[in-house]
Structures are given as structure tokens and as C-alpha cells.
Amino acid sequence: MKRVAAVLAVGIAISLAVGTRAAAAQSPDGEALYRQHCRTCHGAKGTPTQRMVGLYPTLKTLADSALLAGLSVDSIVAILKKGAGKDMKSFSEKMTPDQMAAVAQFVKTLGSGAARQP
């Protein structure tokens, strides 16, 4: 009986550990999503290249803390959902709401200099 209880306890502990890792793995990585969807235009650290600014004159510098101070995470998500102007299309078909929220959280770090270096 003690052996069955021990095996059961180990099984439960393993299930909990795997479940915790699986939940963490499912959390969207805003930085990785930013690199995948936003970096080409807005730059790796939130500053677009001169080439991109030449192609899209209204392109925003996301590393500008003054710009980001006026935008909440919800506002950034709304921009991702709807697009901005004629050049930035909606990302609602490319990212889930949770992914957009993760990107928005990451974008907020760009203006503070808290974003991780590549």
C-alpha cells in the first residue's frame, strides 16, 4: 500500500511539473513576436532604418518614450488589431489577441530601454 501511495505521489508531482511548464510554454513571447512581425519596419530596438522611413514617412519610432508614454497597452493592441494609416495593415489575422497583448507589453519596454539586447 505504501508503494502505491509513493508511486501515486510521484505521478502527481510529475503531472504538476509538466502542467506548469506547458502553461508557461503557452504564454506568448512578445519579444519573439515583435521580431517576427514588427522588426522589419520598426527596427530591432524600435528605431526604423532610414530605408524604412524613406518608404513609409509616417512610420513611428517605437523607442520614443514620449510616444509610448501616451499609449497604453490596450491602445497598442487596438493599433495592432485595426492597423494604422494606409501602410500598417491589421495583424488580427496573423496574431491572436493574447499574442498582440504580449507584443504590446514588449513595445512598451522599447521606450524605457528595458528591452533585451540581441
PDB file of N, CA and C in Angstrom:
ATOM      1  N   MET A   1       0.821  -1.193   0.000  1.00  0.00           N
ATOM      2  CA  MET A   1       0.000   0.000   0.000  1.00  0.00           C
ATOM      3  C   MET A   1       0.865   1.256   0.000  1.00  0.00           C
ATOM      4  N   LYS A   2       1.965   1.224   0.791  1.00  0.00           N
ATOM      5  CA  LYS A   2       2.855   2.379   0.839  1.00  0.00           C
ATOM      6  C   LYS A   2       3.480   2.628  -0.527  1.00  0.00           C
ATOM      7  N   ARG A   3       3.792   1.532  -1.220  1.00  0.00           N
ATOM      8  CA  ARG A   3       4.410   1.667  -2.546  1.00  0.00           C
ATOM      9  C   ARG A   3       3.436   2.309  -3.532  1.00  0.00           C
ATOM     10  N   VAL A   4       2.190   1.929  -3.514  1.00  0.00           N
ATOM     11  CA  VAL A   4       1.172   2.506  -4.389  1.00  0.00           C
ATOM     12  C   VAL A   4       1.009   3.994  -4.091  1.00  0.00           C
ATOM     13  N   ALA A   5       1.013   4.352  -2.836  1.00  0.00           N
ATOM     14  CA  ALA A   5       0.880   5.757  -2.452  1.00  0.00           C
ATOM     15  C   ALA A   5       2.093   6.556  -2.921  1.00  0.00           C
ATOM     16  N   ALA A   6       3.280   5.973  -2.805  1.00  0.00           N
ATOM     17  CA  ALA A   6       4.502   6.661  -3.249  1.00  0.00           C
ATOM     18  C   ALA A   6       4.485   6.859  -4.757  1.00  0.00           C
ATOM     19  N   VAL A   7       4.104   5.835  -5.504  1.00  0.00           N
ATOM     20  CA  VAL A   7       4.035   5.934  -6.965  1.00  0.00           C
ATOM     21  C   VAL A   7       2.991   6.976  -7.365  1.00  0.00           C
ATOM     22  N   LEU A   8       1.866   6.964  -6.692  1.00  0.00           N
ATOM     23  CA  LEU A   8       0.820   7.932  -6.959  1.00  0.00           C
ATOM     24  C   LEU A   8       1.313   9.351  -6.688  1.00  0.00           C
ATOM     25  N   ALA A   9       2.013   9.552  -5.591  1.00  0.00           N
ATOM     26  CA  ALA A   9       2.546  10.879  -5.243  1.00  0.00           C
ATOM     27  C   ALA A   9       3.549  11.350  -6.281  1.00  0.00           C
ATOM     28  N   VAL A  10       4.428  10.453  -6.738  1.00  0.00           N
ATOM     29  CA  VAL A  10       5.404  10.813  -7.774  1.00  0.00           C
ATOM     30  C   VAL A  10       4.675  11.167  -9.067  1.00  0.00           C
ATOM     31  N   GLY A  11       3.688  10.400  -9.410  1.00  0.00           N
ATOM     32  CA  GLY A  11       2.910  10.674 -10.628  1.00  0.00           C
ATOM     33  C   GLY A  11       2.235  12.035 -10.585  1.00  0.00           C
ATOM     34  N   ILE A  12       1.673  12.373  -9.460  1.00  0.00           N
ATOM     35  CA  ILE A  12       1.023  13.677  -9.291  1.00  0.00           C
ATOM     36  C   ILE A  12       2.047  14.794  -9.391  1.00  0.00           C
ATOM     37  N   ALA A  13       3.198  14.610  -8.751  1.00  0.00           N
ATOM     38  CA  ALA A  13       4.246  15.636  -8.798  1.00  0.00           C
ATOM     39  C   ALA A  13       4.727  15.858 -10.229  1.00  0.00           C
ATOM     40  N   ILE A  14       4.911  14.789 -10.971  1.00  0.00           N
ATOM     41  CA  ILE A  14       5.345  14.916 -12.372  1.00  0.00           C
ATOM     42  C   ILE A  14       4.276  15.613 -13.198  1.00  0.00           C
ATOM     43  N   SER A  15       3.025  15.243 -12.998  1.00  0.00           N
ATOM     44  CA  SER A  15       1.924  15.884 -13.735  1.00  0.00           C
ATOM     45  C   SER A  15       1.869  17.373 -13.467  1.00  0.00           C
ATOM     46  N   LEU A  16       2.032  17.757 -12.212  1.00  0.00           N
ATOM     47  CA  LEU A  16       2.011  19.179 -11.860  1.00  0.00           C
ATOM     48  C   LEU A  16       3.193  19.911 -12.499  1.00  0.00           C
ATOM     49  N   ALA A  17       4.362  19.310 -12.469  1.00  0.00           N
ATOM     50  CA  ALA A  17       5.549  19.951 -13.053  1.00  0.00           C
ATOM     51  C   ALA A  17       5.381  20.115 -14.559  1.00  0.00           C
ATOM     52  N   VAL A  18       4.904  19.092 -15.240  1.00  0.00           N
ATOM     53  CA  VAL A  18       4.702  19.167 -16.683  1.00  0.00           C
ATOM     54  C   VAL A  18       3.615  20.176 -17.007  1.00  0.00           C
ATOM     55  N   GLY A  19       2.548  20.193 -16.216  1.00  0.00           N
ATOM     56  CA  GLY A  19       1.455  21.146 -16.441  1.00  0.00           C
ATOM     57  C   GLY A  19       1.916  22.576 -16.287  1.00  0.00           C
ATOM     58  N   THR A  20       2.768  22.844 -15.306  1.00  0.00           N
ATOM     59  CA  THR A  20       3.296  24.195 -15.091  1.00  0.00           C
ATOM     60  C   THR A  20       4.172  24.616 -16.257  1.00  0.00           C
ATOM     61  N   ARG A  21       5.045  23.711 -16.732  1.00  0.00           N
ATOM     62  CA  ARG A  21       5.902  24.032 -17.877  1.00  0.00           C
ATOM     63  C   ARG A  21       5.074  24.239 -19.136  1.00  0.00           C
ATOM     64  N   ALA A  22       4.038  23.431 -19.324  1.00  0.00           N
ATOM     65  CA  ALA A  22       3.188  23.570 -20.503  1.00  0.00           C
ATOM     66  C   ALA A  22       2.463  24.910 -20.485  1.00  0.00           C
ATOM     67  N   ALA A  23       1.988  25.330 -19.323  1.00  0.00           N
ATOM     68  CA  ALA A  23       1.301  26.617 -19.222  1.00  0.00           C
ATOM     69  C   ALA A  23       2.263  27.756 -19.521  1.00  0.00           C
ATOM     70  N   ALA A  24       3.485  27.651 -19.021  1.00  0.00           N
ATOM     71  CA  ALA A  24       4.485  28.691 -19.288  1.00  0.00           C
ATOM     72  C   ALA A  24       4.848  28.708 -20.763  1.00  0.00           C
ATOM     73  N   ALA A  25       4.915  27.539 -21.382  1.00  0.00           N
ATOM     74  CA  ALA A  25       5.276  27.461 -22.795  1.00  0.00           C
ATOM     75  C   ALA A  25       4.182  28.066 -23.674  1.00  0.00           C
ATOM     76  N   GLN A  26       2.956  28.086 -23.195  1.00  0.00           N
ATOM     77  CA  GLN A  26       1.861  28.612 -23.982  1.00  0.00           C
ATOM     78  C   GLN A  26       1.751  30.129 -23.896  1.00  0.00           C
ATOM     79  N   SER A  27       2.426  30.747 -22.939  1.00  0.00           N
ATOM     80  CA  SER A  27       2.395  32.198 -22.834  1.00  0.00           C
ATOM     81  C   SER A  27       3.135  32.784 -24.024  1.00  0.00           C
ATOM     82  N   PRO A  28       2.510  33.698 -24.752  1.00  0.00           N
ATOM     83  CA  PRO A  28       3.175  34.251 -25.928  1.00  0.00           C
ATOM     84  C   PRO A  28       4.406  35.066 -25.555  1.00  0.00           C
ATOM     85  N   ASP A  29       5.431  34.963 -26.358  1.00  0.00           N
ATOM     86  CA  ASP A  29       6.671  35.712 -26.169  1.00  0.00           C
ATOM     87  C   ASP A  29       6.588  36.975 -27.020  1.00  0.00           C
ATOM     88  N   GLY A  30       6.297  38.098 -26.364  1.00  0.00           N
ATOM     89  CA  GLY A  30       6.121  39.365 -27.071  1.00  0.00           C
ATOM     90  C   GLY A  30       7.350  39.786 -27.851  1.00  0.00           C
ATOM     91  N   GLU A  31       8.519  39.542 -27.287  1.00  0.00           N
ATOM     92  CA  GLU A  31       9.757  39.932 -27.980  1.00  0.00           C
ATOM     93  C   GLU A  31       9.948  39.115 -29.256  1.00  0.00           C
ATOM     94  N   ALA A  32       9.723  37.816 -29.173  1.00  0.00           N
ATOM     95  CA  ALA A  32       9.862  36.963 -30.365  1.00  0.00           C
ATOM     96  C   ALA A  32       8.829  37.336 -31.429  1.00  0.00           C
ATOM     97  N   LEU A  33       7.609  37.612 -30.994  1.00  0.00           N
ATOM     98  CA  LEU A  33       6.563  38.011 -31.949  1.00  0.00           C
ATOM     99  C   LEU A  33       6.888  39.362 -32.575  1.00  0.00           C
ATOM    100  N   TYR A  34       7.430  40.282 -31.790  1.00  0.00           N
ATOM    101  CA  TYR A  34       7.853  41.580 -32.316  1.00  0.00           C
ATOM    102  C   TYR A  34       8.913  41.368 -33.396  1.00  0.00           C
ATOM    103  N   ARG A  35       9.906  40.524 -33.097  1.00  0.00           N
ATOM    104  CA  ARG A  35      10.962  40.256 -34.085  1.00  0.00           C
ATOM    105  C   ARG A  35      10.366  39.681 -35.365  1.00  0.00           C
ATOM    106  N   GLN A  36       9.383  38.819 -35.226  1.00  0.00           N
ATOM    107  CA  GLN A  36       8.780  38.160 -36.379  1.00  0.00           C
ATOM    108  C   GLN A  36       7.911  39.110 -37.210  1.00  0.00           C
ATOM    109  N   HIS A  37       7.124  39.955 -36.553  1.00  0.00           N
ATOM    110  CA  HIS A  37       6.118  40.742 -37.269  1.00  0.00           C
ATOM    111  C   HIS A  37       6.413  42.239 -37.394  1.00  0.00           C
ATOM    112  N   CYS A  38       7.225  42.793 -36.513  1.00  0.00           N
ATOM    113  CA  CYS A  38       7.364  44.252 -36.436  1.00  0.00           C
ATOM    114  C   CYS A  38       8.758  44.784 -36.751  1.00  0.00           C
ATOM    115  N   ARG A  39       9.762  43.969 -36.498  1.00  0.00           N
ATOM    116  CA  ARG A  39      11.153  44.413 -36.595  1.00  0.00           C
ATOM    117  C   ARG A  39      11.515  44.936 -37.985  1.00  0.00           C
ATOM    118  N   THR A  40      11.019  44.326 -39.028  1.00  0.00           N
ATOM    119  CA  THR A  40      11.389  44.748 -40.376  1.00  0.00           C
ATOM    120  C   THR A  40      11.119  46.229 -40.585  1.00  0.00           C
ATOM    121  N   CYS A  41       9.993  46.703 -40.169  1.00  0.00           N
ATOM    122  CA  CYS A  41       9.648  48.119 -40.357  1.00  0.00           C
ATOM    123  C   CYS A  41      10.119  48.997 -39.195  1.00  0.00           C
ATOM    124  N   HIS A  42       9.848  48.568 -37.956  1.00  0.00           N
ATOM    125  CA  HIS A  42      10.108  49.418 -36.789  1.00  0.00           C
ATOM    126  C   HIS A  42      11.513  49.270 -36.218  1.00  0.00           C
ATOM    127  N   GLY A  43      12.286  48.308 -36.711  1.00  0.00           N
ATOM    128  CA  GLY A  43      13.653  48.123 -36.224  1.00  0.00           C
ATOM    129  C   GLY A  43      13.714  47.224 -35.008  1.00  0.00           C
ATOM    130  N   ALA A  44      14.859  46.568 -34.824  1.00  0.00           N
ATOM    131  CA  ALA A  44      15.028  45.603 -33.732  1.00  0.00           C
ATOM    132  C   ALA A  44      14.838  46.231 -32.363  1.00  0.00           C
ATOM    133  N   LYS A  45      15.235  47.482 -32.218  1.00  0.00           N
ATOM    134  CA  LYS A  45      15.123  48.157 -30.920  1.00  0.00           C
ATOM    135  C   LYS A  45      14.091  49.275 -30.939  1.00  0.00           C
ATOM    136  N   GLY A  46      13.220  49.260 -31.950  1.00  0.00           N
ATOM    137  CA  GLY A  46      12.149  50.253 -32.014  1.00  0.00           C
ATOM    138  C   GLY A  46      12.476  51.485 -32.832  1.00  0.00           C
ATOM    139  N   THR A  47      13.653  51.521 -33.451  1.00  0.00           N
ATOM    140  CA  THR A  47      14.039  52.655 -34.287  1.00  0.00           C
ATOM    141  C   THR A  47      14.141  52.180 -35.729  1.00  0.00           C
ATOM    142  N   PRO A  48      13.260  52.659 -36.609  1.00  0.00           N
ATOM    143  CA  PRO A  48      13.290  52.208 -38.000  1.00  0.00           C
ATOM    144  C   PRO A  48      14.546  52.694 -38.732  1.00  0.00           C
ATOM    145  N   THR A  49      14.950  51.924 -39.719  1.00  0.00           N
ATOM    146  CA  THR A  49      16.094  52.324 -40.542  1.00  0.00           C
ATOM    147  C   THR A  49      15.689  53.482 -41.447  1.00  0.00           C
ATOM    148  N   GLN A  50      16.687  54.184 -41.958  1.00  0.00           N
ATOM    149  CA  GLN A  50      16.414  55.289 -42.890  1.00  0.00           C
ATOM    150  C   GLN A  50      15.677  54.785 -44.125  1.00  0.00           C
ATOM    151  N   ARG A  51      16.008  53.581 -44.565  1.00  0.00           N
ATOM    152  CA  ARG A  51      15.321  52.997 -45.727  1.00  0.00           C
ATOM    153  C   ARG A  51      13.821  52.864 -45.461  1.00  0.00           C
ATOM    154  N   MET A  52      13.479  52.353 -44.288  1.00  0.00           N
ATOM    155  CA  MET A  52      12.058  52.172 -43.952  1.00  0.00           C
ATOM    156  C   MET A  52      11.355  53.514 -43.800  1.00  0.00           C
ATOM    157  N   VAL A  53      12.023  54.484 -43.203  1.00  0.00           N
ATOM    158  CA  VAL A  53      11.428  55.817 -43.059  1.00  0.00           C
ATOM    159  C   VAL A  53      11.226  56.430 -44.447  1.00  0.00           C
ATOM    160  N   GLY A  54      12.161  56.158 -45.356  1.00  0.00           N
ATOM    161  CA  GLY A  54      12.005  56.637 -46.731  1.00  0.00           C
ATOM    162  C   GLY A  54      10.799  56.008 -47.417  1.00  0.00           C
ATOM    163  N   LEU A  55      10.580  54.729 -47.169  1.00  0.00           N
ATOM    164  CA  LEU A  55       9.430  54.033 -47.772  1.00  0.00           C
ATOM    165  C   LEU A  55       8.121  54.420 -47.101  1.00  0.00           C
ATOM    166  N   TYR A  56       8.169  54.618 -45.799  1.00  0.00           N
ATOM    167  CA  TYR A  56       6.963  54.912 -45.012  1.00  0.00           C
ATOM    168  C   TYR A  56       7.222  56.148 -44.144  1.00  0.00           C
ATOM    169  N   PRO A  57       7.043  57.327 -44.679  1.00  0.00           N
ATOM    170  CA  PRO A  57       7.392  58.566 -43.956  1.00  0.00           C
ATOM    171  C   PRO A  57       6.685  58.759 -42.610  1.00  0.00           C
ATOM    172  N   THR A  58       5.534  58.157 -42.417  1.00  0.00           N
ATOM    173  CA  THR A  58       4.814  58.320 -41.147  1.00  0.00           C
ATOM    174  C   THR A  58       5.126  57.201 -40.148  1.00  0.00           C
ATOM    175  N   LEU A  59       6.094  56.354 -40.466  1.00  0.00           N
ATOM    176  CA  LEU A  59       6.480  55.235 -39.606  1.00  0.00           C
ATOM    177  C   LEU A  59       6.929  55.746 -38.237  1.00  0.00           C
ATOM    178  N   LYS A  60       6.388  55.174 -37.199  1.00  0.00           N
ATOM    179  CA  LYS A  60       6.673  55.612 -35.829  1.00  0.00           C
ATOM    180  C   LYS A  60       7.939  54.964 -35.281  1.00  0.00           C
ATOM    181  N   THR A  61       8.675  55.726 -34.503  1.00  0.00           N
ATOM    182  CA  THR A  61       9.823  55.219 -33.762  1.00  0.00           C
ATOM    183  C   THR A  61       9.302  54.732 -32.418  1.00  0.00           C
ATOM    184  N   LEU A  62       9.288  53.423 -32.245  1.00  0.00           N
ATOM    185  CA  LEU A  62       8.716  52.844 -31.027  1.00  0.00           C
ATOM    186  C   LEU A  62       9.639  53.004 -29.825  1.00  0.00           C
ATOM    187  N   ALA A  63      10.872  53.363 -30.058  1.00  0.00           N
ATOM    188  CA  ALA A  63      11.803  53.600 -28.948  1.00  0.00           C
ATOM    189  C   ALA A  63      11.629  55.001 -28.368  1.00  0.00           C
ATOM    190  N   ASP A  64      10.718  55.790 -28.936  1.00  0.00           N
ATOM    191  CA  ASP A  64      10.460  57.152 -28.470  1.00  0.00           C
ATOM    192  C   ASP A  64       9.605  57.088 -27.209  1.00  0.00           C
ATOM    193  N   SER A  65      10.217  57.368 -26.071  1.00  0.00           N
ATOM    194  CA  SER A  65       9.497  57.254 -24.802  1.00  0.00           C
ATOM    195  C   SER A  65       8.320  58.220 -24.718  1.00  0.00           C
ATOM    196  N   ALA A  66       8.418  59.369 -25.394  1.00  0.00           N
ATOM    197  CA  ALA A  66       7.298  60.324 -25.380  1.00  0.00           C
ATOM    198  C   ALA A  66       6.093  59.741 -26.115  1.00  0.00           C
ATOM    199  N   LEU A  67       6.336  59.069 -27.231  1.00  0.00           N
ATOM    200  CA  LEU A  67       5.245  58.422 -27.976  1.00  0.00           C
ATOM    201  C   LEU A  67       4.606  57.339 -27.115  1.00  0.00           C
ATOM    202  N   LEU A  68       5.425  56.494 -26.519  1.00  0.00           N
ATOM    203  CA  LEU A  68       4.903  55.378 -25.740  1.00  0.00           C
ATOM    204  C   LEU A  68       4.231  55.814 -24.448  1.00  0.00           C
ATOM    205  N   ALA A  69       4.650  56.934 -23.900  1.00  0.00           N
ATOM    206  CA  ALA A  69       4.020  57.426 -22.671  1.00  0.00           C
ATOM    207  C   ALA A  69       2.544  57.720 -22.906  1.00  0.00           C
ATOM    208  N   GLY A  70       2.203  58.115 -24.116  1.00  0.00           N
ATOM    209  CA  GLY A  70       0.820  58.436 -24.442  1.00  0.00           C
ATOM    210  C   GLY A  70       0.000  57.244 -24.899  1.00  0.00           C
ATOM    211  N   LEU A  71       0.622  56.077 -24.971  1.00  0.00           N
ATOM    212  CA  LEU A  71      -0.085  54.882 -25.437  1.00  0.00           C
ATOM    213  C   LEU A  71      -0.137  53.828 -24.339  1.00  0.00           C
ATOM    214  N   SER A  72      -1.335  53.344 -24.067  1.00  0.00           N
ATOM    215  CA  SER A  72      -1.474  52.234 -23.127  1.00  0.00           C
ATOM    216  C   SER A  72      -1.283  50.928 -23.891  1.00  0.00           C
ATOM    217  N   VAL A  73      -1.141  49.852 -23.165  1.00  0.00           N
ATOM    218  CA  VAL A  73      -1.052  48.533 -23.793  1.00  0.00           C
ATOM    219  C   VAL A  73      -2.305  48.287 -24.626  1.00  0.00           C
ATOM    220  N   ASP A  74      -3.467  48.664 -24.088  1.00  0.00           N
ATOM    221  CA  ASP A  74      -4.723  48.476 -24.826  1.00  0.00           C
ATOM    222  C   ASP A  74      -4.736  49.285 -26.123  1.00  0.00           C
ATOM    223  N   SER A  75      -4.167  50.489 -26.094  1.00  0.00           N
ATOM    224  CA  SER A  75      -4.102  51.308 -27.310  1.00  0.00           C
ATOM    225  C   SER A  75      -3.218  50.657 -28.360  1.00  0.00           C
ATOM    226  N   ILE A  76      -2.101  50.093 -27.922  1.00  0.00           N
ATOM    227  CA  ILE A  76      -1.195  49.419 -28.864  1.00  0.00           C
ATOM    228  C   ILE A  76      -1.883  48.191 -29.445  1.00  0.00           C
ATOM    229  N   VAL A  77      -2.598  47.441 -28.617  1.00  0.00           N
ATOM    230  CA  VAL A  77      -3.344  46.275 -29.104  1.00  0.00           C
ATOM    231  C   VAL A  77      -4.371  46.719 -30.144  1.00  0.00           C
ATOM    232  N   ALA A  78      -5.067  47.824 -29.888  1.00  0.00           N
ATOM    233  CA  ALA A  78      -6.064  48.331 -30.841  1.00  0.00           C
ATOM    234  C   ALA A  78      -5.405  48.672 -32.176  1.00  0.00           C
ATOM    235  N   ILE A  79      -4.214  49.254 -32.135  1.00  0.00           N
ATOM    236  CA  ILE A  79      -3.490  49.570 -33.372  1.00  0.00           C
ATOM    237  C   ILE A  79      -3.129  48.284 -34.103  1.00  0.00           C
ATOM    238  N   LEU A  80      -2.675  47.283 -33.358  1.00  0.00           N
ATOM    239  CA  LEU A  80      -2.337  46.006 -33.983  1.00  0.00           C
ATOM    240  C   LEU A  80      -3.576  45.355 -34.607  1.00  0.00           C
ATOM    241  N   LYS A  81      -4.703  45.458 -33.923  1.00  0.00           N
ATOM    242  CA  LYS A  81      -5.941  44.852 -34.433  1.00  0.00           C
ATOM    243  C   LYS A  81      -6.455  45.552 -35.689  1.00  0.00           C
ATOM    244  N   LYS A  82      -6.415  46.885 -35.687  1.00  0.00           N
ATOM    245  CA  LYS A  82      -7.035  47.655 -36.772  1.00  0.00           C
ATOM    246  C   LYS A  82      -6.054  48.124 -37.834  1.00  0.00           C
ATOM    247  N   GLY A  83      -4.761  48.192 -37.486  1.00  0.00           N
ATOM    248  CA  GLY A  83      -3.782  48.780 -38.387  1.00  0.00           C
ATOM    249  C   GLY A  83      -3.702  50.276 -38.125  1.00  0.00           C
ATOM    250  N   ALA A  84      -2.798  50.928 -38.865  1.00  0.00           N
ATOM    251  CA  ALA A  84      -2.615  52.375 -38.683  1.00  0.00           C
ATOM    252  C   ALA A  84      -2.327  53.006 -40.029  1.00  0.00           C
ATOM    253  N   GLY A  85      -3.146  53.954 -40.400  1.00  0.00           N
ATOM    254  CA  GLY A  85      -2.950  54.632 -41.681  1.00  0.00           C
ATOM    255  C   GLY A  85      -3.081  53.672 -42.852  1.00  0.00           C
ATOM    256  N   LYS A  86      -2.471  54.060 -43.963  1.00  0.00           N
ATOM    257  CA  LYS A  86      -2.589  53.207 -45.152  1.00  0.00           C
ATOM    258  C   LYS A  86      -1.482  52.162 -45.238  1.00  0.00           C
ATOM    259  N   ASP A  87      -0.416  52.335 -44.460  1.00  0.00           N
ATOM    260  CA  ASP A  87       0.733  51.445 -44.598  1.00  0.00           C
ATOM    261  C   ASP A  87       0.747  50.268 -43.624  1.00  0.00           C
ATOM    262  N   MET A  88       0.298  50.471 -42.406  1.00  0.00           N
ATOM    263  CA  MET A  88       0.317  49.368 -41.433  1.00  0.00           C
ATOM    264  C   MET A  88      -1.034  48.675 -41.433  1.00  0.00           C
ATOM    265  N   LYS A  89      -1.015  47.458 -41.928  1.00  0.00           N
ATOM    266  CA  LYS A  89      -2.237  46.661 -42.007  1.00  0.00           C
ATOM    267  C   LYS A  89      -2.535  46.000 -40.662  1.00  0.00           C
ATOM    268  N   SER A  90      -3.747  45.520 -40.519  1.00  0.00           N
ATOM    269  CA  SER A  90      -4.179  44.823 -39.311  1.00  0.00           C
ATOM    270  C   SER A  90      -3.394  43.528 -39.130  1.00  0.00           C
ATOM    271  N   PHE A  91      -3.113  43.209 -37.886  1.00  0.00           N
ATOM    272  CA  PHE A  91      -2.453  41.949 -37.567  1.00  0.00           C
ATOM    273  C   PHE A  91      -3.433  40.939 -36.988  1.00  0.00           C
ATOM    274  N   SER A  92      -4.722  41.234 -37.055  1.00  0.00           N
ATOM    275  CA  SER A  92      -5.716  40.353 -36.440  1.00  0.00           C
ATOM    276  C   SER A  92      -5.773  38.975 -37.101  1.00  0.00           C
ATOM    277  N   GLU A  93      -5.315  38.858 -38.327  1.00  0.00           N
ATOM    278  CA  GLU A  93      -5.288  37.553 -38.998  1.00  0.00           C
ATOM    279  C   GLU A  93      -3.965  36.831 -38.761  1.00  0.00           C
ATOM    280  N   LYS A  94      -2.967  37.547 -38.230  1.00  0.00           N
ATOM    281  CA  LYS A  94      -1.640  36.965 -38.047  1.00  0.00           C
ATOM    282  C   LYS A  94      -1.331  36.630 -36.598  1.00  0.00           C
ATOM    283  N   MET A  95      -2.019  37.294 -35.657  1.00  0.00           N
ATOM    284  CA  MET A  95      -1.761  37.075 -34.237  1.00  0.00           C
ATOM    285  C   MET A  95      -3.072  36.959 -33.482  1.00  0.00           C
ATOM    286  N   THR A  96      -3.027  36.188 -32.413  1.00  0.00           N
ATOM    287  CA  THR A  96      -4.184  36.076 -31.528  1.00  0.00           C
ATOM    288  C   THR A  96      -4.226  37.306 -30.621  1.00  0.00           C
ATOM    289  N   PRO A  97      -5.351  37.547 -29.961  1.00  0.00           N
ATOM    290  CA  PRO A  97      -5.406  38.658 -29.002  1.00  0.00           C
ATOM    291  C   PRO A  97      -4.326  38.561 -27.914  1.00  0.00           C
ATOM    292  N   ASP A  98      -4.059  37.350 -27.419  1.00  0.00           N
ATOM    293  CA  ASP A  98      -3.009  37.177 -26.406  1.00  0.00           C
ATOM    294  C   ASP A  98      -1.634  37.519 -26.969  1.00  0.00           C
ATOM    295  N   GLN A  99      -1.380  37.143 -28.207  1.00  0.00           N
ATOM    296  CA  GLN A  99      -0.102  37.468 -28.836  1.00  0.00           C
ATOM    297  C   GLN A  99       0.036  38.973 -29.037  1.00  0.00           C
ATOM    298  N   MET A 100      -1.049  39.625 -29.471  1.00  0.00           N
ATOM    299  CA  MET A 100      -0.999  41.080 -29.642  1.00  0.00           C
ATOM    300  C   MET A 100      -0.737  41.776 -28.312  1.00  0.00           C
ATOM    301  N   ALA A 101      -1.344  41.278 -27.248  1.00  0.00           N
ATOM    302  CA  ALA A 101      -1.112  41.863 -25.920  1.00  0.00           C
ATOM    303  C   ALA A 101       0.347  41.677 -25.501  1.00  0.00           C
ATOM    304  N   ALA A 102       0.922  40.520 -25.813  1.00  0.00           N
ATOM    305  CA  ALA A 102       2.326  40.273 -25.474  1.00  0.00           C
ATOM    306  C   ALA A 102       3.243  41.209 -26.260  1.00  0.00           C
ATOM    307  N   VAL A 103       2.935  41.429 -27.540  1.00  0.00           N
ATOM    308  CA  VAL A 103       3.719  42.359 -28.349  1.00  0.00           C
ATOM    309  C   VAL A 103       3.585  43.765 -27.776  1.00  0.00           C
ATOM    310  N   ALA A 104       2.386  44.159 -27.419  1.00  0.00           N
ATOM    311  CA  ALA A 104       2.161  45.498 -26.861  1.00  0.00           C
ATOM    312  C   ALA A 104       2.957  45.686 -25.577  1.00  0.00           C
ATOM    313  N   GLN A 105       2.977  44.679 -24.725  1.00  0.00           N
ATOM    314  CA  GLN A 105       3.768  44.755 -23.488  1.00  0.00           C
ATOM    315  C   GLN A 105       5.243  44.941 -23.829  1.00  0.00           C
ATOM    316  N   PHE A 106       5.728  44.199 -24.821  1.00  0.00           N
ATOM    317  CA  PHE A 106       7.130  44.326 -25.219  1.00  0.00           C
ATOM    318  C   PHE A 106       7.401  45.708 -25.800  1.00  0.00           C
ATOM    319  N   VAL A 107       6.515  46.196 -26.637  1.00  0.00           N
ATOM    320  CA  VAL A 107       6.703  47.520 -27.250  1.00  0.00           C
ATOM    321  C   VAL A 107       6.825  48.582 -26.167  1.00  0.00           C
ATOM    322  N   LYS A 108       6.060  48.475 -25.101  1.00  0.00           N
ATOM    323  CA  LYS A 108       6.154  49.445 -24.007  1.00  0.00           C
ATOM    324  C   LYS A 108       7.557  49.469 -23.396  1.00  0.00           C
ATOM    325  N   THR A 109       8.294  48.362 -23.458  1.00  0.00           N
ATOM    326  CA  THR A 109       9.647  48.329 -22.901  1.00  0.00           C
ATOM    327  C   THR A 109      10.655  49.040 -23.812  1.00  0.00           C
ATOM    328  N   LEU A 110      10.323  49.199 -25.077  1.00  0.00           N
ATOM    329  CA  LEU A 110      11.277  49.800 -26.015  1.00  0.00           C
ATOM    330  C   LEU A 110      11.594  51.248 -25.658  1.00  0.00           C
ATOM    331  N   GLY A 111      10.612  51.993 -25.221  1.00  0.00           N
ATOM    332  CA  GLY A 111      10.816  53.389 -24.870  1.00  0.00           C
ATOM    333  C   GLY A 111      11.567  53.573 -23.571  1.00  0.00           C
ATOM    334  N   SER A 112      11.569  52.538 -22.742  1.00  0.00           N
ATOM    335  CA  SER A 112      12.254  52.648 -21.445  1.00  0.00           C
ATOM    336  C   SER A 112      13.679  52.139 -21.508  1.00  0.00           C
ATOM    337  N   GLY A 113      14.044  51.534 -22.629  1.00  0.00           N
ATOM    338  CA  GLY A 113      15.379  50.948 -22.742  1.00  0.00           C
ATOM    339  C   GLY A 113      15.481  49.621 -22.024  1.00  0.00           C
ATOM    340  N   ALA A 114      14.346  49.066 -21.590  1.00  0.00           N
ATOM    341  CA  ALA A 114      14.351  47.805 -20.846  1.00  0.00           C
ATOM    342  C   ALA A 114      14.341  46.593 -21.760  1.00  0.00           C
ATOM    343  N   ALA A 115      14.194  46.780 -23.065  1.00  0.00           N
ATOM    344  CA  ALA A 115      14.174  45.649 -23.977  1.00  0.00           C
ATOM    345  C   ALA A 115      15.521  44.947 -23.961  1.00  0.00           C
ATOM    346  N   ARG A 116      15.485  43.617 -24.089  1.00  0.00           N
ATOM    347  CA  ARG A 116      16.721  42.839 -24.097  1.00  0.00           C
ATOM    348  C   ARG A 116      17.505  43.113 -25.361  1.00  0.00           C
ATOM    349  N   GLN A 117      18.797  43.075 -25.242  1.00  0.00           N
ATOM    350  CA  GLN A 117      19.674  43.287 -26.399  1.00  0.00           C
ATOM    351  C   GLN A 117      19.807  41.973 -27.160  1.00  0.00           C
ATOM    352  N   PRO A 118      19.879  42.026 -28.506  1.00  0.00           N
ATOM    353  CA  PRO A 118      20.001  40.776 -29.284  1.00  0.00           C
ATOM    354  C   PRO A 118      21.325  40.093 -29.068  1.00  0.00           C
TER     355      PRO A 118
END
